[in-house]
Amino acid sequence: MNVSVLVDTNVLVDAYDRAAPQKQKQTLAAFDYLVVHGSGALSTQVLAEFFVAITRKIAVPLSIANAYTRFERRFQHRISERGCAFRKSFRAQLSDL
């Protein structure tokens, strides 16, 4: 995969913030483009910041389990082997909550 865009936390949060529907729609369209073309990437730091933001800081926060499920559904087919290890670890942590 040839990555040309590293997605910022704030942009990722906009995709899940239901308080700004127009911004959410535009951001989701951009993500769909990046996923289809394989030209976007997320860092571990961005993922960590993302979960804190959408489960605590946005106007209508998501539960941790809901946030993880939504994110996984959208990006599941683009997660690397290293990302799979992260997913297994994260799922184990969720089961402890």
PDB file of N, CA and C in Angstrom:
ATOM      1  N   MET A   1       0.851  -1.178   0.000  1.00  0.00           N
ATOM      2  CA  MET A   1       0.000   0.000   0.000  1.00  0.00           C
ATOM      3  C   MET A   1       0.886   1.226   0.000  1.00  0.00           C
ATOM      4  N   ASN A   2       0.611   2.154  -0.864  1.00  0.00           N
ATOM      5  CA  ASN A   2       1.335   3.412  -0.952  1.00  0.00           C
ATOM      6  C   ASN A   2       0.524   4.488  -0.236  1.00  0.00           C
ATOM      7  N   VAL A   3       0.945   4.842   0.971  1.00  0.00           N
ATOM      8  CA  VAL A   3       0.201   5.797   1.785  1.00  0.00           C
ATOM      9  C   VAL A   3       0.679   7.202   1.494  1.00  0.00           C
ATOM     10  N   SER A   4      -0.268   8.095   1.250  1.00  0.00           N
ATOM     11  CA  SER A   4       0.105   9.482   0.996  1.00  0.00           C
ATOM     12  C   SER A   4      -0.540  10.455   1.972  1.00  0.00           C
ATOM     13  N   VAL A   5      -1.469   9.972   2.826  1.00  0.00           N
ATOM     14  CA  VAL A   5      -2.166  10.847   3.764  1.00  0.00           C
ATOM     15  C   VAL A   5      -2.166  10.214   5.156  1.00  0.00           C
ATOM     16  N   LEU A   6      -1.606  10.934   6.132  1.00  0.00           N
ATOM     17  CA  LEU A   6      -1.706  10.518   7.524  1.00  0.00           C
ATOM     18  C   LEU A   6      -2.845  11.320   8.132  1.00  0.00           C
ATOM     19  N   VAL A   7      -3.907  10.641   8.523  1.00  0.00           N
ATOM     20  CA  VAL A   7      -5.121  11.301   8.999  1.00  0.00           C
ATOM     21  C   VAL A   7      -4.914  11.807  10.428  1.00  0.00           C
ATOM     22  N   ASP A   8      -5.268  13.069  10.665  1.00  0.00           N
ATOM     23  CA  ASP A   8      -5.150  13.713  11.965  1.00  0.00           C
ATOM     24  C   ASP A   8      -6.317  13.328  12.871  1.00  0.00           C
ATOM     25  N   THR A   9      -6.077  13.340  14.163  1.00  0.00           N
ATOM     26  CA  THR A   9      -7.106  12.992  15.150  1.00  0.00           C
ATOM     27  C   THR A   9      -8.366  13.831  14.989  1.00  0.00           C
ATOM     28  N   ASN A  10      -8.212  15.139  14.843  1.00  0.00           N
ATOM     29  CA  ASN A  10      -9.387  16.020  14.753  1.00  0.00           C
ATOM     30  C   ASN A  10     -10.262  15.677  13.555  1.00  0.00           C
ATOM     31  N   VAL A  11      -9.650  15.306  12.459  1.00  0.00           N
ATOM     32  CA  VAL A  11     -10.417  14.930  11.271  1.00  0.00           C
ATOM     33  C   VAL A  11     -11.154  13.623  11.534  1.00  0.00           C
ATOM     34  N   LEU A  12     -10.473  12.680  12.160  1.00  0.00           N
ATOM     35  CA  LEU A  12     -11.099  11.402  12.481  1.00  0.00           C
ATOM     36  C   LEU A  12     -12.278  11.594  13.423  1.00  0.00           C
ATOM     37  N   VAL A  13     -12.124  12.451  14.421  1.00  0.00           N
ATOM     38  CA  VAL A  13     -13.206  12.727  15.376  1.00  0.00           C
ATOM     39  C   VAL A  13     -14.404  13.352  14.648  1.00  0.00           C
ATOM     40  N   ASP A  14     -14.153  14.234  13.694  1.00  0.00           N
ATOM     41  CA  ASP A  14     -15.249  14.856  12.931  1.00  0.00           C
ATOM     42  C   ASP A  14     -16.134  13.811  12.252  1.00  0.00           C
ATOM     43  N   ALA A  15     -15.557  12.681  11.880  1.00  0.00           N
ATOM     44  CA  ALA A  15     -16.329  11.627  11.216  1.00  0.00           C
ATOM     45  C   ALA A  15     -17.327  10.965  12.167  1.00  0.00           C
ATOM     46  N   TYR A  16     -17.107  11.102  13.457  1.00  0.00           N
ATOM     47  CA  TYR A  16     -17.967  10.449  14.439  1.00  0.00           C
ATOM     48  C   TYR A  16     -18.742  11.425  15.312  1.00  0.00           C
ATOM     49  N   ASP A  17     -18.580  12.707  15.080  1.00  0.00           N
ATOM     50  CA  ASP A  17     -19.257  13.724  15.886  1.00  0.00           C
ATOM     51  C   ASP A  17     -20.608  14.059  15.265  1.00  0.00           C
ATOM     52  N   ARG A  18     -21.670  13.541  15.870  1.00  0.00           N
ATOM     53  CA  ARG A  18     -23.021  13.731  15.335  1.00  0.00           C
ATOM     54  C   ARG A  18     -23.556  15.140  15.568  1.00  0.00           C
ATOM     55  N   ALA A  19     -22.843  15.962  16.325  1.00  0.00           N
ATOM     56  CA  ALA A  19     -23.290  17.331  16.587  1.00  0.00           C
ATOM     57  C   ALA A  19     -23.074  18.252  15.384  1.00  0.00           C
ATOM     58  N   ALA A  20     -22.247  17.832  14.440  1.00  0.00           N
ATOM     59  CA  ALA A  20     -21.974  18.630  13.235  1.00  0.00           C
ATOM     60  C   ALA A  20     -22.195  17.747  12.006  1.00  0.00           C
ATOM     61  N   PRO A  21     -23.460  17.516  11.630  1.00  0.00           N
ATOM     62  CA  PRO A  21     -23.772  16.535  10.573  1.00  0.00           C
ATOM     63  C   PRO A  21     -23.164  16.847   9.204  1.00  0.00           C
ATOM     64  N   GLN A  22     -23.087  18.117   8.823  1.00  0.00           N
ATOM     65  CA  GLN A  22     -22.507  18.435   7.508  1.00  0.00           C
ATOM     66  C   GLN A  22     -21.010  18.119   7.486  1.00  0.00           C
ATOM     67  N   LYS A  23     -20.316  18.490   8.548  1.00  0.00           N
ATOM     68  CA  LYS A  23     -18.889  18.195   8.648  1.00  0.00           C
ATOM     69  C   LYS A  23     -18.665  16.684   8.694  1.00  0.00           C
ATOM     70  N   GLN A  24     -19.541  15.984   9.414  1.00  0.00           N
ATOM     71  CA  GLN A  24     -19.448  14.536   9.505  1.00  0.00           C
ATOM     72  C   GLN A  24     -19.606  13.898   8.124  1.00  0.00           C
ATOM     73  N   LYS A  25     -20.573  14.359   7.371  1.00  0.00           N
ATOM     74  CA  LYS A  25     -20.827  13.816   6.028  1.00  0.00           C
ATOM     75  C   LYS A  25     -19.624  14.020   5.113  1.00  0.00           C
ATOM     76  N   GLN A  26     -19.043  15.214   5.143  1.00  0.00           N
ATOM     77  CA  GLN A  26     -17.880  15.517   4.299  1.00  0.00           C
ATOM     78  C   GLN A  26     -16.673  14.669   4.704  1.00  0.00           C
ATOM     79  N   THR A  27     -16.482  14.523   6.000  1.00  0.00           N
ATOM     80  CA  THR A  27     -15.346  13.748   6.491  1.00  0.00           C
ATOM     81  C   THR A  27     -15.492  12.276   6.129  1.00  0.00           C
ATOM     82  N   LEU A  28     -16.691  11.728   6.281  1.00  0.00           N
ATOM     83  CA  LEU A  28     -16.916  10.328   5.922  1.00  0.00           C
ATOM     84  C   LEU A  28     -16.685  10.092   4.427  1.00  0.00           C
ATOM     85  N   ALA A  29     -17.073  11.039   3.602  1.00  0.00           N
ATOM     86  CA  ALA A  29     -16.831  10.916   2.159  1.00  0.00           C
ATOM     87  C   ALA A  29     -15.325  10.898   1.876  1.00  0.00           C
ATOM     88  N   ALA A  30     -14.579  11.744   2.577  1.00  0.00           N
ATOM     89  CA  ALA A  30     -13.121  11.770   2.399  1.00  0.00           C
ATOM     90  C   ALA A  30     -12.502  10.450   2.855  1.00  0.00           C
ATOM     91  N   PHE A  31     -12.966   9.912   3.990  1.00  0.00           N
ATOM     92  CA  PHE A  31     -12.445   8.631   4.470  1.00  0.00           C
ATOM     93  C   PHE A  31     -12.756   7.509   3.501  1.00  0.00           C
ATOM     94  N   ASP A  32     -13.961   7.499   2.970  1.00  0.00           N
ATOM     95  CA  ASP A  32     -14.322   6.465   2.000  1.00  0.00           C
ATOM     96  C   ASP A  32     -13.373   6.509   0.805  1.00  0.00           C
ATOM     97  N   TYR A  33     -13.047   7.702   0.355  1.00  0.00           N
ATOM     98  CA  TYR A  33     -12.109   7.858  -0.756  1.00  0.00           C
ATOM     99  C   TYR A  33     -10.732   7.279  -0.386  1.00  0.00           C
ATOM    100  N   LEU A  34     -10.246   7.623   0.809  1.00  0.00           N
ATOM    101  CA  LEU A  34      -8.938   7.137   1.251  1.00  0.00           C
ATOM    102  C   LEU A  34      -8.917   5.617   1.372  1.00  0.00           C
ATOM    103  N   VAL A  35      -9.994   5.048   1.895  1.00  0.00           N
ATOM    104  CA  VAL A  35     -10.060   3.596   2.054  1.00  0.00           C
ATOM    105  C   VAL A  35     -10.091   2.912   0.691  1.00  0.00           C
ATOM    106  N   VAL A  36     -10.941   3.385  -0.203  1.00  0.00           N
ATOM    107  CA  VAL A  36     -11.064   2.777  -1.534  1.00  0.00           C
ATOM    108  C   VAL A  36      -9.738   2.831  -2.292  1.00  0.00           C
ATOM    109  N   HIS A  37      -9.025   3.953  -2.170  1.00  0.00           N
ATOM    110  CA  HIS A  37      -7.775   4.131  -2.906  1.00  0.00           C
ATOM    111  C   HIS A  37      -6.542   3.685  -2.124  1.00  0.00           C
ATOM    112  N   GLY A  38      -6.738   3.256  -0.878  1.00  0.00           N
ATOM    113  CA  GLY A  38      -5.609   2.783  -0.078  1.00  0.00           C
ATOM    114  C   GLY A  38      -4.557   3.841   0.157  1.00  0.00           C
ATOM    115  N   SER A  39      -4.987   5.095   0.263  1.00  0.00           N
ATOM    116  CA  SER A  39      -4.006   6.174   0.361  1.00  0.00           C
ATOM    117  C   SER A  39      -3.998   6.888   1.702  1.00  0.00           C
ATOM    118  N   GLY A  40      -4.636   6.320   2.717  1.00  0.00           N
ATOM    119  CA  GLY A  40      -4.657   6.940   4.037  1.00  0.00           C
ATOM    120  C   GLY A  40      -4.071   6.022   5.089  1.00  0.00           C
ATOM    121  N   ALA A  41      -3.629   6.617   6.186  1.00  0.00           N
ATOM    122  CA  ALA A  41      -3.079   5.835   7.295  1.00  0.00           C
ATOM    123  C   ALA A  41      -3.418   6.505   8.613  1.00  0.00           C
ATOM    124  N   LEU A  42      -3.458   5.695   9.662  1.00  0.00           N
ATOM    125  CA  LEU A  42      -3.697   6.177  11.020  1.00  0.00           C
ATOM    126  C   LEU A  42      -2.560   5.681  11.900  1.00  0.00           C
ATOM    127  N   SER A  43      -2.046   6.544  12.745  1.00  0.00           N
ATOM    128  CA  SER A  43      -1.002   6.128  13.675  1.00  0.00           C
ATOM    129  C   SER A  43      -1.635   5.614  14.967  1.00  0.00           C
ATOM    130  N   THR A  44      -0.859   4.915  15.762  1.00  0.00           N
ATOM    131  CA  THR A  44      -1.330   4.424  17.050  1.00  0.00           C
ATOM    132  C   THR A  44      -1.725   5.589  17.949  1.00  0.00           C
ATOM    133  N   GLN A  45      -0.948   6.669  17.901  1.00  0.00           N
ATOM    134  CA  GLN A  45      -1.261   7.848  18.716  1.00  0.00           C
ATOM    135  C   GLN A  45      -2.607   8.441  18.324  1.00  0.00           C
ATOM    136  N   VAL A  46      -2.871   8.533  17.028  1.00  0.00           N
ATOM    137  CA  VAL A  46      -4.147   9.064  16.551  1.00  0.00           C
ATOM    138  C   VAL A  46      -5.299   8.184  17.028  1.00  0.00           C
ATOM    139  N   LEU A  47      -5.128   6.873  16.963  1.00  0.00           N
ATOM    140  CA  LEU A  47      -6.178   5.964  17.426  1.00  0.00           C
ATOM    141  C   LEU A  47      -6.461   6.150  18.914  1.00  0.00           C
ATOM    142  N   ALA A  48      -5.423   6.302  19.707  1.00  0.00           N
ATOM    143  CA  ALA A  48      -5.610   6.508  21.152  1.00  0.00           C
ATOM    144  C   ALA A  48      -6.327   7.823  21.424  1.00  0.00           C
ATOM    145  N   GLU A  49      -5.895   8.890  20.779  1.00  0.00           N
ATOM    146  CA  GLU A  49      -6.537  10.202  20.952  1.00  0.00           C
ATOM    147  C   GLU A  49      -7.987  10.161  20.477  1.00  0.00           C
ATOM    148  N   PHE A  50      -8.219   9.452  19.384  1.00  0.00           N
ATOM    149  CA  PHE A  50      -9.559   9.304  18.826  1.00  0.00           C
ATOM    150  C   PHE A  50     -10.516   8.682  19.839  1.00  0.00           C
ATOM    151  N   PHE A  51     -10.105   7.589  20.464  1.00  0.00           N
ATOM    152  CA  PHE A  51     -10.992   6.918  21.420  1.00  0.00           C
ATOM    153  C   PHE A  51     -11.297   7.786  22.630  1.00  0.00           C
ATOM    154  N   VAL A  52     -10.314   8.519  23.107  1.00  0.00           N
ATOM    155  CA  VAL A  52     -10.564   9.425  24.227  1.00  0.00           C
ATOM    156  C   VAL A  52     -11.571  10.490  23.810  1.00  0.00           C
ATOM    157  N   ALA A  53     -11.368  11.064  22.642  1.00  0.00           N
ATOM    158  CA  ALA A  53     -12.235  12.153  22.182  1.00  0.00           C
ATOM    159  C   ALA A  53     -13.673  11.705  21.955  1.00  0.00           C
ATOM    160  N   ILE A  54     -13.883  10.589  21.268  1.00  0.00           N
ATOM    161  CA  ILE A  54     -15.270  10.218  20.938  1.00  0.00           C
ATOM    162  C   ILE A  54     -16.004   9.525  22.071  1.00  0.00           C
ATOM    163  N   THR A  55     -15.276   9.120  23.088  1.00  0.00           N
ATOM    164  CA  THR A  55     -15.953   8.506  24.229  1.00  0.00           C
ATOM    165  C   THR A  55     -16.079   9.456  25.420  1.00  0.00           C
ATOM    166  N   ARG A  56     -15.427  10.630  25.334  1.00  0.00           N
ATOM    167  CA  ARG A  56     -15.478  11.560  26.468  1.00  0.00           C
ATOM    168  C   ARG A  56     -15.716  13.018  26.104  1.00  0.00           C
ATOM    169  N   LYS A  57     -15.240  13.461  24.939  1.00  0.00           N
ATOM    170  CA  LYS A  57     -15.169  14.899  24.686  1.00  0.00           C
ATOM    171  C   LYS A  57     -16.178  15.459  23.688  1.00  0.00           C
ATOM    172  N   ILE A  58     -16.753  14.638  22.820  1.00  0.00           N
ATOM    173  CA  ILE A  58     -17.708  15.183  21.857  1.00  0.00           C
ATOM    174  C   ILE A  58     -19.066  15.393  22.518  1.00  0.00           C
ATOM    175  N   ALA A  59     -19.916  16.160  21.860  1.00  0.00           N
ATOM    176  CA  ALA A  59     -21.221  16.525  22.430  1.00  0.00           C
ATOM    177  C   ALA A  59     -22.077  15.307  22.774  1.00  0.00           C
ATOM    178  N   VAL A  60     -22.056  14.304  21.910  1.00  0.00           N
ATOM    179  CA  VAL A  60     -22.819  13.065  22.148  1.00  0.00           C
ATOM    180  C   VAL A  60     -21.802  11.912  22.123  1.00  0.00           C
ATOM    181  N   PRO A  61     -21.163  11.642  23.271  1.00  0.00           N
ATOM    182  CA  PRO A  61     -20.109  10.619  23.283  1.00  0.00           C
ATOM    183  C   PRO A  61     -20.655   9.216  23.048  1.00  0.00           C
ATOM    184  N   LEU A  62     -19.808   8.379  22.462  1.00  0.00           N
ATOM    185  CA  LEU A  62     -20.143   6.976  22.230  1.00  0.00           C
ATOM    186  C   LEU A  62     -19.594   6.136  23.373  1.00  0.00           C
ATOM    187  N   SER A  63     -20.196   4.988  23.603  1.00  0.00           N
ATOM    188  CA  SER A  63     -19.608   4.059  24.562  1.00  0.00           C
ATOM    189  C   SER A  63     -18.311   3.524  23.951  1.00  0.00           C
ATOM    190  N   ILE A  64     -17.423   3.019  24.779  1.00  0.00           N
ATOM    191  CA  ILE A  64     -16.157   2.493  24.267  1.00  0.00           C
ATOM    192  C   ILE A  64     -16.416   1.340  23.296  1.00  0.00           C
ATOM    193  N   ALA A  65     -17.296   0.439  23.662  1.00  0.00           N
ATOM    194  CA  ALA A  65     -17.599  -0.710  22.797  1.00  0.00           C
ATOM    195  C   ALA A  65     -18.209  -0.267  21.467  1.00  0.00           C
ATOM    196  N   ASN A  66     -19.127   0.695  21.510  1.00  0.00           N
ATOM    197  CA  ASN A  66     -19.757   1.200  20.293  1.00  0.00           C
ATOM    198  C   ASN A  66     -18.730   1.900  19.411  1.00  0.00           C
ATOM    199  N   ALA A  67     -17.865   2.694  20.007  1.00  0.00           N
ATOM    200  CA  ALA A  67     -16.830   3.397  19.245  1.00  0.00           C
ATOM    201  C   ALA A  67     -15.919   2.398  18.542  1.00  0.00           C
ATOM    202  N   TYR A  68     -15.501   1.383  19.248  1.00  0.00           N
ATOM    203  CA  TYR A  68     -14.616   0.376  18.666  1.00  0.00           C
ATOM    204  C   TYR A  68     -15.311  -0.369  17.528  1.00  0.00           C
ATOM    205  N   THR A  69     -16.551  -0.773  17.747  1.00  0.00           N
ATOM    206  CA  THR A  69     -17.291  -1.522  16.730  1.00  0.00           C
ATOM    207  C   THR A  69     -17.478  -0.698  15.459  1.00  0.00           C
ATOM    208  N   ARG A  70     -17.863   0.554  15.612  1.00  0.00           N
ATOM    209  CA  ARG A  70     -18.060   1.420  14.434  1.00  0.00           C
ATOM    210  C   ARG A  70     -16.769   1.597  13.652  1.00  0.00           C
ATOM    211  N   PHE A  71     -15.700   1.845  14.376  1.00  0.00           N
ATOM    212  CA  PHE A  71     -14.414   2.056  13.718  1.00  0.00           C
ATOM    213  C   PHE A  71     -13.946   0.780  13.026  1.00  0.00           C
ATOM    214  N   GLU A  72     -14.061  -0.332  13.700  1.00  0.00           N
ATOM    215  CA  GLU A  72     -13.626  -1.604  13.132  1.00  0.00           C
ATOM    216  C   GLU A  72     -14.393  -1.943  11.853  1.00  0.00           C
ATOM    217  N   ARG A  73     -15.713  -1.725  11.863  1.00  0.00           N
ATOM    218  CA  ARG A  73     -16.522  -2.008  10.667  1.00  0.00           C
ATOM    219  C   ARG A  73     -16.065  -1.192   9.463  1.00  0.00           C
ATOM    220  N   ARG A  74     -15.753   0.070   9.693  1.00  0.00           N
ATOM    221  CA  ARG A  74     -15.382   0.946   8.586  1.00  0.00           C
ATOM    222  C   ARG A  74     -14.008   0.613   8.020  1.00  0.00           C
ATOM    223  N   PHE A  75     -13.065   0.215   8.871  1.00  0.00           N
ATOM    224  CA  PHE A  75     -11.681   0.064   8.441  1.00  0.00           C
ATOM    225  C   PHE A  75     -11.148  -1.356   8.539  1.00  0.00           C
ATOM    226  N   GLN A  76     -11.986  -2.321   8.828  1.00  0.00           N
ATOM    227  CA  GLN A  76     -11.547  -3.689   9.076  1.00  0.00           C
ATOM    228  C   GLN A  76     -10.680  -4.257   7.958  1.00  0.00           C
ATOM    229  N   HIS A  77     -11.051  -4.062   6.722  1.00  0.00           N
ATOM    230  CA  HIS A  77     -10.318  -4.667   5.616  1.00  0.00           C
ATOM    231  C   HIS A  77      -8.983  -3.993   5.334  1.00  0.00           C
ATOM    232  N   ARG A  78      -8.684  -2.909   6.026  1.00  0.00           N
ATOM    233  CA  ARG A  78      -7.429  -2.202   5.807  1.00  0.00           C
ATOM    234  C   ARG A  78      -6.483  -2.263   7.004  1.00  0.00           C
ATOM    235  N   ILE A  79      -6.766  -3.126   7.959  1.00  0.00           N
ATOM    236  CA  ILE A  79      -5.918  -3.210   9.145  1.00  0.00           C
ATOM    237  C   ILE A  79      -4.801  -4.218   8.892  1.00  0.00           C
ATOM    238  N   SER A  80      -3.565  -3.804   9.151  1.00  0.00           N
ATOM    239  CA  SER A  80      -2.394  -4.644   8.903  1.00  0.00           C
ATOM    240  C   SER A  80      -2.278  -5.753   9.943  1.00  0.00           C
ATOM    241  N   GLU A  81      -1.303  -6.648   9.743  1.00  0.00           N
ATOM    242  CA  GLU A  81      -1.082  -7.723  10.715  1.00  0.00           C
ATOM    243  C   GLU A  81      -0.762  -7.151  12.088  1.00  0.00           C
ATOM    244  N   ARG A  82       0.045  -6.100  12.132  1.00  0.00           N
ATOM    245  CA  ARG A  82       0.367  -5.476  13.408  1.00  0.00           C
ATOM    246  C   ARG A  82      -0.895  -4.890  14.028  1.00  0.00           C
ATOM    247  N   GLY A  83      -1.764  -4.350  13.190  1.00  0.00           N
ATOM    248  CA  GLY A  83      -3.031  -3.823  13.666  1.00  0.00           C
ATOM    249  C   GLY A  83      -3.920  -4.920  14.235  1.00  0.00           C
ATOM    250  N   CYS A  84      -3.821  -6.140  13.682  1.00  0.00           N
ATOM    251  CA  CYS A  84      -4.615  -7.256  14.193  1.00  0.00           C
ATOM    252  C   CYS A  84      -4.206  -7.581  15.622  1.00  0.00           C
ATOM    253  N   ALA A  85      -2.913  -7.516  15.921  1.00  0.00           N
ATOM    254  CA  ALA A  85      -2.450  -7.752  17.288  1.00  0.00           C
ATOM    255  C   ALA A  85      -2.999  -6.667  18.210  1.00  0.00           C
ATOM    256  N   PHE A  86      -3.024  -5.431  17.728  1.00  0.00           N
ATOM    257  CA  PHE A  86      -3.580  -4.317  18.497  1.00  0.00           C
ATOM    258  C   PHE A  86      -5.065  -4.565  18.765  1.00  0.00           C
ATOM    259  N   ARG A  87      -5.803  -5.018  17.746  1.00  0.00           N
ATOM    260  CA  ARG A  87      -7.236  -5.287  17.898  1.00  0.00           C
ATOM    261  C   ARG A  87      -7.484  -6.343  18.961  1.00  0.00           C
ATOM    262  N   LYS A  88      -6.708  -7.430  18.937  1.00  0.00           N
ATOM    263  CA  LYS A  88      -6.896  -8.500  19.925  1.00  0.00           C
ATOM    264  C   LYS A  88      -6.637  -7.968  21.332  1.00  0.00           C
ATOM    265  N   SER A  89      -5.597  -7.174  21.479  1.00  0.00           N
ATOM    266  CA  SER A  89      -5.274  -6.592  22.778  1.00  0.00           C
ATOM    267  C   SER A  89      -6.381  -5.652  23.230  1.00  0.00           C
ATOM    268  N   PHE A  90      -6.877  -4.830  22.317  1.00  0.00           N
ATOM    269  CA  PHE A  90      -7.921  -3.860  22.654  1.00  0.00           C
ATOM    270  C   PHE A  90      -9.206  -4.583  23.027  1.00  0.00           C
ATOM    271  N   ARG A  91      -9.560  -5.639  22.302  1.00  0.00           N
ATOM    272  CA  ARG A  91     -10.766  -6.407  22.630  1.00  0.00           C
ATOM    273  C   ARG A  91     -10.658  -6.997  24.038  1.00  0.00           C
ATOM    274  N   ALA A  92      -9.485  -7.495  24.387  1.00  0.00           N
ATOM    275  CA  ALA A  92      -9.288  -8.053  25.722  1.00  0.00           C
ATOM    276  C   ALA A  92      -9.500  -6.979  26.787  1.00  0.00           C
ATOM    277  N   GLN A  93      -9.019  -5.770  26.530  1.00  0.00           N
ATOM    278  CA  GLN A  93      -9.202  -4.683  27.468  1.00  0.00           C
ATOM    279  C   GLN A  93     -10.671  -4.295  27.581  1.00  0.00           C
ATOM    280  N   LEU A  94     -11.408  -4.326  26.475  1.00  0.00           N
ATOM    281  CA  LEU A  94     -12.832  -3.991  26.498  1.00  0.00           C
ATOM    282  C   LEU A  94     -13.612  -4.984  27.352  1.00  0.00           C
ATOM    283  N   SER A  95     -13.215  -6.243  27.292  1.00  0.00           N
ATOM    284  CA  SER A  95     -13.968  -7.247  28.051  1.00  0.00           C
ATOM    285  C   SER A  95     -13.792  -7.063  29.560  1.00  0.00           C
ATOM    286  N   ASP A  96     -12.740  -6.345  29.960  1.00  0.00           N
ATOM    287  CA  ASP A  96     -12.512  -6.075  31.376  1.00  0.00           C
ATOM    288  C   ASP A  96     -13.324  -4.891  31.889  1.00  0.00           C
ATOM    289  N   LEU A  97     -13.935  -4.107  31.002  1.00  0.00           N
ATOM    290  CA  LEU A  97     -14.686  -2.912  31.424  1.00  0.00           C
ATOM    291  C   LEU A  97     -16.071  -3.253  31.914  1.00  0.00           C
TER     292      LEU A  97
END
